[in-house]
Amino acid sequence: MSNKNTAQQNTPPLRAHLVALRRNGQIEAWQVRIGTGGPGLSRSFAARKYGGEAQALAEATRTAEALGLELGHPRGGSPLGRRTRLSPTPAAGIRFEWLHYSLSTVLNVVATWPEPRTGRRCSSRFSVERNGLDGALDRALECRRKAGAPLPDRQQMLDLLTEVYRAGAPEVPKRRQRAMAQGRTVSVSVRPRSAAKA
């Protein structure tokens, strides 16, 4: 056996994942993604082309195995809108965030969602100062709705946002005060006290 062949055998296989690409809650395709993906590191298998979600997943799996890739657990299989233990509010993908500028502090409602075709994380923030409590919340919820996520209890979210607004901006953590002293904008996400009871 040559040194070249020995080196090839000792090289661990590339790790990859099967990622579900969703639109409006439905899986449109499965993607084989090496690492974080990128040009030449991912390939999609559309459900429409292969006759359904299961067939597209099977073809993606066969392709990954044929390329010698080591597959991890599938990603993206959880329904869009599933709340995790890290969610700071009862609604997945919605959080309240204070932005500390050099001369002012502004409360924002932040919406995050995955881009349907690539799975890339997107986000938008809406200022309470500019849009009002109702307006900022509604614009954030609309971003989530367009991404196919189920809508939460709006009144509950508005009550929590009002609670955060009335409580005022929290103190900037010490580890971030240096950045603020340098004139940089510092964001502080807030978990409403009553959210734990929701």
Protein backbone atom coordinates (compact mmCIF):
# COMPACT_ATOMS: atom_id res chain seq x y z
CA MET A 1 0.00 0.00 0.00
CA SER A 2 1.47 3.38 -1.01
CA ASN A 3 1.81 6.36 1.30
CA LYS A 4 -0.72 8.21 -0.85
CA ASN A 5 -3.36 5.55 -0.36
CA THR A 6 -2.61 5.40 3.35
CA ALA A 7 -3.07 9.16 3.65
CA GLN A 8 -6.41 8.95 1.83
CA GLN A 9 -7.61 6.20 4.15
CA ASN A 10 -6.57 8.18 7.23
CA THR A 11 -8.39 11.31 6.07
CA PRO A 12 -11.70 11.57 7.96
CA PRO A 13 -14.82 11.99 5.81
CA LEU A 14 -16.29 15.46 5.43
CA ARG A 15 -19.21 16.10 7.76
CA ALA A 16 -22.47 17.25 6.21
CA HIS A 17 -26.09 17.82 7.17
CA LEU A 18 -29.44 17.42 5.50
CA VAL A 19 -31.30 20.73 5.82
CA ALA A 20 -35.03 21.13 5.25
CA LEU A 21 -35.86 24.25 3.21
CA ARG A 22 -39.35 25.45 4.04
CA ARG A 23 -41.83 27.91 2.56
CA ASN A 24 -45.09 28.70 4.36
CA GLY A 25 -44.51 25.79 6.70
CA GLN A 26 -44.07 23.21 3.91
CA ILE A 27 -40.79 21.51 3.00
CA GLU A 28 -39.95 22.54 -0.56
CA ALA A 29 -36.55 20.87 -0.74
CA TRP A 30 -33.83 19.05 1.13
CA GLN A 31 -30.30 20.37 0.95
CA VAL A 32 -27.03 18.52 1.45
CA ARG A 33 -24.80 21.06 3.17
CA ILE A 34 -21.12 20.65 4.02
CA GLY A 35 -20.25 22.74 7.07
CA THR A 36 -22.04 26.07 6.80
CA GLY A 37 -22.55 25.68 3.06
CA GLY A 38 -21.54 28.17 0.41
CA PRO A 39 -20.50 27.94 -3.27
CA GLY A 40 -19.76 24.33 -4.13
CA LEU A 41 -20.59 23.12 -0.61
CA SER A 42 -24.32 22.53 -0.91
CA ARG A 43 -26.85 20.96 -3.26
CA SER A 44 -30.64 21.08 -3.10
CA PHE A 45 -33.18 18.41 -4.02
CA ALA A 46 -36.62 19.89 -4.72
CA ALA A 47 -39.67 17.94 -3.58
CA ARG A 48 -41.48 18.89 -6.79
CA LYS A 49 -38.70 17.49 -8.96
CA TYR A 50 -38.37 14.17 -7.13
CA GLY A 51 -42.06 13.53 -6.50
CA GLY A 52 -42.43 14.58 -2.87
CA GLU A 53 -40.63 15.37 0.36
CA ALA A 54 -39.74 11.76 1.17
CA GLN A 55 -38.35 11.09 -2.30
CA ALA A 56 -36.29 14.29 -2.24
CA LEU A 57 -34.88 13.34 1.18
CA ALA A 58 -34.03 9.86 -0.06
CA GLU A 59 -32.22 11.25 -3.12
CA ALA A 60 -30.31 13.76 -0.98
CA THR A 61 -29.25 10.96 1.36
CA ARG A 62 -28.13 8.71 -1.51
CA THR A 63 -26.11 11.54 -3.04
CA ALA A 64 -24.39 12.34 0.27
CA GLU A 65 -23.49 8.68 0.79
CA ALA A 66 -22.19 8.38 -2.78
CA LEU A 67 -19.90 11.35 -2.13
CA GLY A 68 -18.58 9.71 1.04
CA LEU A 69 -19.99 12.39 3.32
CA GLU A 70 -20.63 11.69 6.99
CA LEU A 71 -24.16 12.84 7.72
CA GLY A 72 -25.17 14.35 11.02
CA HIS A 73 -28.72 14.71 12.27
CA PRO A 74 -31.11 16.44 9.84
CA ARG A 75 -31.60 20.16 10.39
CA GLY A 76 -34.65 22.26 9.82
CA GLY A 77 -37.12 19.49 10.63
CA SER A 78 -38.76 21.35 13.48
CA PRO A 79 -41.86 23.35 12.54
CA LEU A 80 -41.21 27.04 12.02
CA GLY A 81 -42.38 28.87 15.12
CA ARG A 82 -41.37 26.23 17.69
CA ARG A 83 -40.31 28.02 20.87
CA THR A 84 -37.09 26.85 22.51
CA ARG A 85 -35.97 27.21 26.12
CA LEU A 86 -33.77 30.13 25.04
CA SER A 87 -36.65 32.18 23.63
CA PRO A 88 -36.89 35.39 25.69
CA THR A 89 -40.62 35.77 24.93
CA PRO A 90 -43.52 33.31 24.44
CA ALA A 91 -43.22 33.81 20.66
CA ALA A 92 -40.35 32.17 18.81
CA GLY A 93 -38.39 34.63 16.68
CA ILE A 94 -39.63 37.74 18.54
CA ARG A 95 -37.60 39.53 21.19
CA PHE A 96 -37.50 42.94 22.84
CA GLU A 97 -34.18 44.77 22.73
CA TRP A 98 -32.92 48.05 24.11
CA LEU A 99 -30.36 49.82 21.94
CA HIS A 100 -28.03 52.10 23.89
CA TYR A 101 -26.71 54.90 21.68
CA SER A 102 -24.28 57.55 22.86
CA LEU A 103 -27.07 60.08 23.50
CA SER A 104 -30.26 58.02 23.72
CA THR A 105 -31.75 54.61 24.47
CA VAL A 106 -34.43 53.10 22.23
CA LEU A 107 -36.64 50.03 22.68
CA ASN A 108 -37.00 47.81 19.60
CA VAL A 109 -39.07 44.78 18.70
CA VAL A 110 -36.82 42.37 16.81
CA ALA A 111 -38.07 39.68 14.43
CA THR A 112 -35.86 36.82 13.21
CA TRP A 113 -36.68 34.14 10.65
CA PRO A 114 -34.93 31.72 8.28
CA GLU A 115 -34.78 32.63 4.60
CA PRO A 116 -36.96 29.91 2.98
CA ARG A 117 -34.58 28.77 0.24
CA THR A 118 -31.17 29.05 1.90
CA GLY A 119 -32.04 28.75 5.58
CA ARG A 120 -29.97 31.91 6.21
CA ARG A 121 -31.02 33.74 9.37
CA CYS A 122 -32.66 37.11 8.69
CA SER A 123 -33.73 39.80 11.13
CA SER A 124 -35.37 43.22 11.30
CA ARG A 125 -35.86 45.56 14.24
CA PHE A 126 -38.63 48.09 14.66
CA SER A 127 -38.30 51.07 16.97
CA VAL A 128 -41.04 51.70 19.52
CA GLU A 129 -40.10 55.39 19.46
CA ARG A 130 -40.83 55.58 15.72
CA ASN A 131 -43.69 53.08 15.36
CA GLY A 132 -45.31 53.05 18.78
CA LEU A 133 -45.84 49.90 20.83
CA ASP A 134 -48.58 48.49 18.59
CA GLY A 135 -46.87 49.44 15.35
CA ALA A 136 -43.47 48.00 16.25
CA LEU A 137 -45.01 44.72 17.39
CA ASP A 138 -47.29 44.41 14.35
CA ARG A 139 -44.44 45.01 11.90
CA ALA A 140 -42.31 42.38 13.59
CA LEU A 141 -45.16 39.86 13.61
CA GLU A 142 -45.77 40.55 9.92
CA CYS A 143 -42.17 39.55 9.12
CA ARG A 144 -42.74 36.25 10.87
CA ARG A 145 -46.10 35.73 9.16
CA LYS A 146 -44.56 36.23 5.71
CA ALA A 147 -41.94 33.60 6.57
CA GLY A 148 -44.72 31.10 7.30
CA ALA A 149 -44.53 31.13 11.11
CA PRO A 150 -47.74 30.81 13.14
CA LEU A 151 -48.85 34.01 14.84
CA PRO A 152 -48.68 34.15 18.66
CA ASP A 153 -51.24 35.66 21.00
CA ARG A 154 -50.89 39.32 19.98
CA GLN A 155 -52.47 40.74 23.13
CA GLN A 156 -50.17 38.69 25.32
CA MET A 157 -47.14 39.94 23.38
CA LEU A 158 -48.37 43.54 23.57
CA ASP A 159 -48.83 43.24 27.34
CA LEU A 160 -45.26 41.95 27.68
CA LEU A 161 -43.89 44.70 25.45
CA THR A 162 -45.74 47.31 27.52
CA GLU A 163 -44.25 45.79 30.67
CA VAL A 164 -40.73 46.07 29.24
CA TYR A 165 -41.34 49.65 28.07
CA ARG A 166 -42.64 50.78 31.47
CA ALA A 167 -39.77 49.10 33.31
CA GLY A 168 -37.30 51.14 31.29
CA ALA A 169 -33.90 50.22 29.92
CA PRO A 170 -31.80 47.87 32.05
CA GLU A 171 -28.28 48.70 33.09
CA VAL A 172 -25.67 47.85 30.50
CA PRO A 173 -23.63 44.79 31.61
CA LYS A 174 -20.16 45.71 32.82
CA ARG A 175 -18.48 43.65 30.12
CA ARG A 176 -20.14 45.87 27.49
CA GLN A 177 -19.75 49.26 29.17
CA ARG A 178 -16.32 49.69 27.62
CA ALA A 179 -17.80 49.46 24.12
CA MET A 180 -20.42 52.02 25.09
CA ALA A 181 -17.72 54.35 26.43
CA GLN A 182 -16.06 54.15 23.00
CA GLY A 183 -19.24 55.51 21.40
CA ARG A 184 -20.42 52.16 20.04
CA THR A 185 -24.08 51.12 20.03
CA VAL A 186 -24.82 48.41 22.60
CA SER A 187 -27.88 46.15 22.47
CA VAL A 188 -29.45 44.48 25.50
CA SER A 189 -32.19 41.89 24.99
CA VAL A 190 -34.83 41.76 27.72
CA ARG A 191 -36.83 38.81 29.08
CA PRO A 192 -40.10 40.14 30.57
CA ARG A 193 -40.62 39.00 34.16
CA SER A 194 -44.10 37.68 33.46
CA ALA A 195 -42.92 35.77 30.35
CA ALA A 196 -41.90 32.83 32.52
CA LYS A 197 -45.54 32.46 33.56
CA ALA A 198 -46.76 32.47 29.93
